[in-house]
Amino acid sequence: MINHHKKAKNFTLNKECAIFENELFDALSIKGLTVDALLSDETDYKSLLKNNKEASEKDRNHWADMFGLKALAKSVKRNLDSVYENLFKQTN
């Protein structure tokens, strides 16, 4: 994109408005979740993993997946919020 912009110069390029590629988007698509829905989930998946060692492998895998996805979602949310803020800055 940057190289194309240098050559074409027929569009505005703001590097502060880059949405970074992240595996989270594919995982959320499969699960039918949004970043906001994931972050608003108050389930403590780490505690579930720690305190339920006798749970089924299926449950433990789900909890581990959700714990990892929530960790990824925090940085993705910061990136998306930053892009939004930069796109819609009010100029004085």
N, C-alpha and C. Protein backbone atom coordinates (compact mmCIF):
# COMPACT_ATOMS: atom_id res chain seq x y z
N MET A 1 0.83 -1.17 0.00
CA MET A 1 0.00 0.00 0.00
C MET A 1 0.88 1.25 0.00
N ILE A 2 1.91 1.25 0.81
CA ILE A 2 2.78 2.42 0.90
C ILE A 2 3.49 2.66 -0.43
N ASN A 3 4.02 1.59 -1.03
CA ASN A 3 4.70 1.74 -2.32
C ASN A 3 3.73 2.21 -3.40
N HIS A 4 2.52 1.69 -3.40
CA HIS A 4 1.52 2.12 -4.38
C HIS A 4 1.21 3.60 -4.20
N HIS A 5 1.12 4.04 -2.96
CA HIS A 5 0.84 5.45 -2.69
C HIS A 5 1.97 6.33 -3.20
N LYS A 6 3.21 5.88 -3.00
CA LYS A 6 4.36 6.66 -3.48
C LYS A 6 4.31 6.84 -4.98
N LYS A 7 3.88 5.80 -5.69
CA LYS A 7 3.82 5.86 -7.16
C LYS A 7 2.58 6.61 -7.64
N ALA A 8 1.43 6.25 -7.13
CA ALA A 8 0.17 6.78 -7.67
C ALA A 8 -0.16 8.16 -7.14
N LYS A 9 0.02 8.37 -5.87
CA LYS A 9 -0.30 9.64 -5.21
C LYS A 9 -1.70 10.14 -5.54
N ASN A 10 -2.63 9.21 -5.72
CA ASN A 10 -4.00 9.61 -6.03
C ASN A 10 -4.97 9.30 -4.88
N PHE A 11 -4.40 9.09 -3.69
CA PHE A 11 -5.22 8.88 -2.50
C PHE A 11 -4.42 9.31 -1.28
N THR A 12 -5.12 9.54 -0.20
CA THR A 12 -4.48 9.95 1.05
C THR A 12 -4.07 8.72 1.83
N LEU A 13 -2.88 8.73 2.34
CA LEU A 13 -2.37 7.62 3.15
C LEU A 13 -1.98 8.16 4.52
N ASN A 14 -2.62 7.63 5.53
CA ASN A 14 -2.31 8.02 6.90
C ASN A 14 -1.87 6.75 7.63
N LYS A 15 -0.60 6.66 7.93
CA LYS A 15 -0.06 5.45 8.57
C LYS A 15 -0.64 5.24 9.96
N GLU A 16 -1.16 6.30 10.57
CA GLU A 16 -1.78 6.17 11.89
C GLU A 16 -3.16 5.53 11.81
N CYS A 17 -3.62 5.28 10.60
CA CYS A 17 -4.94 4.67 10.39
C CYS A 17 -4.82 3.24 9.87
N ALA A 18 -3.71 2.61 10.16
CA ALA A 18 -3.50 1.23 9.72
C ALA A 18 -4.13 0.26 10.71
N ILE A 19 -4.95 -0.65 10.18
CA ILE A 19 -5.48 -1.74 11.00
C ILE A 19 -4.57 -2.93 10.76
N PHE A 20 -3.91 -3.35 11.82
CA PHE A 20 -2.92 -4.40 11.70
C PHE A 20 -3.57 -5.76 11.56
N GLU A 21 -2.98 -6.60 10.73
CA GLU A 21 -3.46 -7.97 10.57
C GLU A 21 -3.28 -8.71 11.89
N ASN A 22 -4.29 -9.49 12.24
CA ASN A 22 -4.22 -10.23 13.49
C ASN A 22 -5.08 -11.48 13.36
N GLU A 23 -4.57 -12.57 13.89
CA GLU A 23 -5.29 -13.85 13.83
C GLU A 23 -6.63 -13.79 14.57
N LEU A 24 -6.79 -12.80 15.41
CA LEU A 24 -8.02 -12.65 16.18
C LEU A 24 -9.24 -12.51 15.27
N PHE A 25 -9.10 -11.77 14.17
CA PHE A 25 -10.24 -11.53 13.28
C PHE A 25 -10.81 -12.85 12.73
N ASP A 26 -9.93 -13.75 12.31
CA ASP A 26 -10.40 -15.05 11.81
C ASP A 26 -11.06 -15.86 12.92
N ALA A 27 -10.44 -15.87 14.08
CA ALA A 27 -10.98 -16.66 15.21
C ALA A 27 -12.35 -16.13 15.63
N LEU A 28 -12.51 -14.83 15.68
CA LEU A 28 -13.79 -14.25 16.07
C LEU A 28 -14.86 -14.53 15.01
N SER A 29 -14.45 -14.52 13.76
CA SER A 29 -15.39 -14.83 12.68
C SER A 29 -15.93 -16.25 12.82
N ILE A 30 -15.04 -17.17 13.13
CA ILE A 30 -15.45 -18.57 13.31
C ILE A 30 -16.40 -18.71 14.50
N LYS A 31 -16.11 -17.98 15.57
CA LYS A 31 -16.92 -18.07 16.78
C LYS A 31 -18.17 -17.19 16.73
N GLY A 32 -18.26 -16.34 15.71
CA GLY A 32 -19.42 -15.45 15.60
C GLY A 32 -19.43 -14.37 16.66
N LEU A 33 -18.25 -13.89 17.04
CA LEU A 33 -18.12 -12.86 18.08
C LEU A 33 -17.52 -11.59 17.50
N THR A 34 -17.72 -10.50 18.20
CA THR A 34 -17.04 -9.25 17.89
C THR A 34 -15.98 -8.99 18.95
N VAL A 35 -15.10 -8.06 18.67
CA VAL A 35 -14.07 -7.68 19.65
C VAL A 35 -14.75 -7.16 20.91
N ASP A 36 -15.74 -6.30 20.75
CA ASP A 36 -16.43 -5.73 21.92
C ASP A 36 -17.15 -6.80 22.73
N ALA A 37 -17.80 -7.74 22.05
CA ALA A 37 -18.50 -8.82 22.77
C ALA A 37 -17.51 -9.66 23.56
N LEU A 38 -16.38 -9.94 22.96
CA LEU A 38 -15.36 -10.73 23.65
C LEU A 38 -14.84 -10.00 24.88
N LEU A 39 -14.55 -8.72 24.72
CA LEU A 39 -14.00 -7.96 25.84
C LEU A 39 -15.02 -7.71 26.94
N SER A 40 -16.29 -7.71 26.60
CA SER A 40 -17.31 -7.50 27.64
C SER A 40 -17.69 -8.81 28.35
N ASP A 41 -17.19 -9.93 27.87
CA ASP A 41 -17.40 -11.22 28.53
C ASP A 41 -16.62 -11.21 29.84
N GLU A 42 -17.32 -11.28 30.95
CA GLU A 42 -16.69 -11.18 32.27
C GLU A 42 -16.22 -12.52 32.82
N THR A 43 -16.33 -13.57 32.03
CA THR A 43 -15.88 -14.89 32.47
C THR A 43 -14.38 -14.89 32.71
N ASP A 44 -13.96 -15.41 33.85
CA ASP A 44 -12.54 -15.51 34.18
C ASP A 44 -12.03 -16.88 33.72
N TYR A 45 -11.64 -16.93 32.45
CA TYR A 45 -11.21 -18.20 31.86
C TYR A 45 -9.93 -18.74 32.49
N LYS A 46 -9.08 -17.86 32.93
CA LYS A 46 -7.85 -18.28 33.60
C LYS A 46 -8.18 -19.04 34.89
N SER A 47 -9.11 -18.52 35.67
CA SER A 47 -9.52 -19.20 36.91
C SER A 47 -10.22 -20.52 36.61
N LEU A 48 -11.03 -20.53 35.57
CA LEU A 48 -11.69 -21.78 35.19
C LEU A 48 -10.66 -22.86 34.88
N LEU A 49 -9.63 -22.49 34.15
CA LEU A 49 -8.57 -23.44 33.82
C LEU A 49 -7.83 -23.90 35.07
N LYS A 50 -7.53 -22.94 35.93
CA LYS A 50 -6.75 -23.23 37.12
C LYS A 50 -7.52 -24.09 38.13
N ASN A 51 -8.82 -23.82 38.28
CA ASN A 51 -9.60 -24.44 39.35
C ASN A 51 -10.43 -25.64 38.93
N ASN A 52 -10.39 -25.99 37.66
CA ASN A 52 -11.21 -27.10 37.17
C ASN A 52 -10.36 -28.09 36.37
N LYS A 53 -9.37 -28.61 37.02
CA LYS A 53 -8.44 -29.52 36.34
C LYS A 53 -9.11 -30.82 35.90
N GLU A 54 -10.24 -31.15 36.51
CA GLU A 54 -10.95 -32.38 36.17
C GLU A 54 -12.00 -32.18 35.06
N ALA A 55 -12.10 -30.96 34.56
CA ALA A 55 -13.07 -30.66 33.50
C ALA A 55 -12.69 -31.41 32.23
N SER A 56 -13.64 -31.54 31.34
CA SER A 56 -13.39 -32.25 30.09
C SER A 56 -12.34 -31.51 29.25
N GLU A 57 -11.69 -32.26 28.41
CA GLU A 57 -10.68 -31.66 27.52
C GLU A 57 -11.33 -30.61 26.63
N LYS A 58 -12.55 -30.87 26.20
CA LYS A 58 -13.28 -29.91 25.35
C LYS A 58 -13.48 -28.59 26.09
N ASP A 59 -13.94 -28.64 27.33
CA ASP A 59 -14.13 -27.43 28.13
C ASP A 59 -12.81 -26.70 28.35
N ARG A 60 -11.79 -27.44 28.72
CA ARG A 60 -10.48 -26.83 29.00
C ARG A 60 -9.91 -26.17 27.74
N ASN A 61 -10.09 -26.81 26.60
CA ASN A 61 -9.61 -26.21 25.34
C ASN A 61 -10.38 -24.93 25.03
N HIS A 62 -11.69 -24.96 25.26
CA HIS A 62 -12.51 -23.75 25.02
C HIS A 62 -12.05 -22.61 25.94
N TRP A 63 -11.86 -22.92 27.21
CA TRP A 63 -11.42 -21.89 28.16
C TRP A 63 -10.06 -21.33 27.78
N ALA A 64 -9.16 -22.21 27.37
CA ALA A 64 -7.82 -21.76 26.96
C ALA A 64 -7.91 -20.88 25.72
N ASP A 65 -8.73 -21.28 24.76
CA ASP A 65 -8.92 -20.47 23.55
C ASP A 65 -9.46 -19.09 23.90
N MET A 66 -10.48 -19.07 24.74
CA MET A 66 -11.11 -17.80 25.09
C MET A 66 -10.15 -16.90 25.88
N PHE A 67 -9.35 -17.49 26.76
CA PHE A 67 -8.36 -16.72 27.51
C PHE A 67 -7.37 -16.07 26.55
N GLY A 68 -6.88 -16.84 25.59
CA GLY A 68 -5.93 -16.31 24.60
C GLY A 68 -6.56 -15.25 23.71
N LEU A 69 -7.79 -15.49 23.29
CA LEU A 69 -8.47 -14.51 22.43
C LEU A 69 -8.71 -13.20 23.16
N LYS A 70 -9.08 -13.28 24.43
CA LYS A 70 -9.30 -12.04 25.20
C LYS A 70 -8.00 -11.25 25.32
N ALA A 71 -6.89 -11.94 25.47
CA ALA A 71 -5.60 -11.25 25.56
C ALA A 71 -5.28 -10.54 24.23
N LEU A 72 -5.52 -11.23 23.12
CA LEU A 72 -5.29 -10.62 21.80
C LEU A 72 -6.24 -9.45 21.57
N ALA A 73 -7.46 -9.59 22.02
CA ALA A 73 -8.49 -8.57 21.77
C ALA A 73 -8.13 -7.22 22.38
N LYS A 74 -7.42 -7.22 23.46
CA LYS A 74 -7.07 -5.95 24.11
C LYS A 74 -6.21 -5.09 23.19
N SER A 75 -5.20 -5.67 22.55
CA SER A 75 -4.34 -4.88 21.66
C SER A 75 -5.07 -4.53 20.37
N VAL A 76 -5.92 -5.42 19.88
CA VAL A 76 -6.70 -5.13 18.68
C VAL A 76 -7.65 -3.97 18.95
N LYS A 77 -8.29 -3.97 20.09
CA LYS A 77 -9.21 -2.89 20.45
C LYS A 77 -8.47 -1.55 20.53
N ARG A 78 -7.27 -1.56 21.11
CA ARG A 78 -6.48 -0.32 21.16
C ARG A 78 -6.17 0.17 19.75
N ASN A 79 -5.80 -0.76 18.85
CA ASN A 79 -5.50 -0.41 17.47
C ASN A 79 -6.74 0.17 16.78
N LEU A 80 -7.88 -0.50 16.91
CA LEU A 80 -9.11 -0.02 16.26
C LEU A 80 -9.54 1.33 16.81
N ASP A 81 -9.43 1.52 18.12
CA ASP A 81 -9.80 2.80 18.73
C ASP A 81 -8.88 3.92 18.24
N SER A 82 -7.60 3.62 18.11
CA SER A 82 -6.64 4.61 17.63
C SER A 82 -6.94 4.99 16.18
N VAL A 83 -7.24 4.01 15.35
CA VAL A 83 -7.58 4.28 13.96
C VAL A 83 -8.83 5.15 13.88
N TYR A 84 -9.85 4.79 14.63
CA TYR A 84 -11.09 5.58 14.64
C TYR A 84 -10.82 7.02 15.05
N GLU A 85 -10.05 7.17 16.12
CA GLU A 85 -9.74 8.50 16.62
C GLU A 85 -9.00 9.32 15.56
N ASN A 86 -8.06 8.70 14.87
CA ASN A 86 -7.29 9.42 13.85
C ASN A 86 -8.13 9.71 12.61
N LEU A 87 -9.05 8.86 12.27
CA LEU A 87 -9.91 9.10 11.11
C LEU A 87 -10.89 10.23 11.34
N PHE A 88 -11.37 10.34 12.56
CA PHE A 88 -12.44 11.29 12.84
C PHE A 88 -12.03 12.41 13.78
N LYS A 89 -10.75 12.75 13.75
CA LYS A 89 -10.26 13.88 14.55
C LYS A 89 -10.99 15.14 14.13
N GLN A 90 -11.32 15.93 15.11
CA GLN A 90 -11.89 17.25 14.81
C GLN A 90 -10.75 18.22 14.60
N THR A 91 -10.77 18.91 13.51
CA THR A 91 -9.75 19.93 13.27
C THR A 91 -10.31 21.28 13.68
N ASN A 92 -9.47 22.03 14.33
CA ASN A 92 -9.90 23.36 14.81
C ASN A 92 -9.42 24.44 13.88
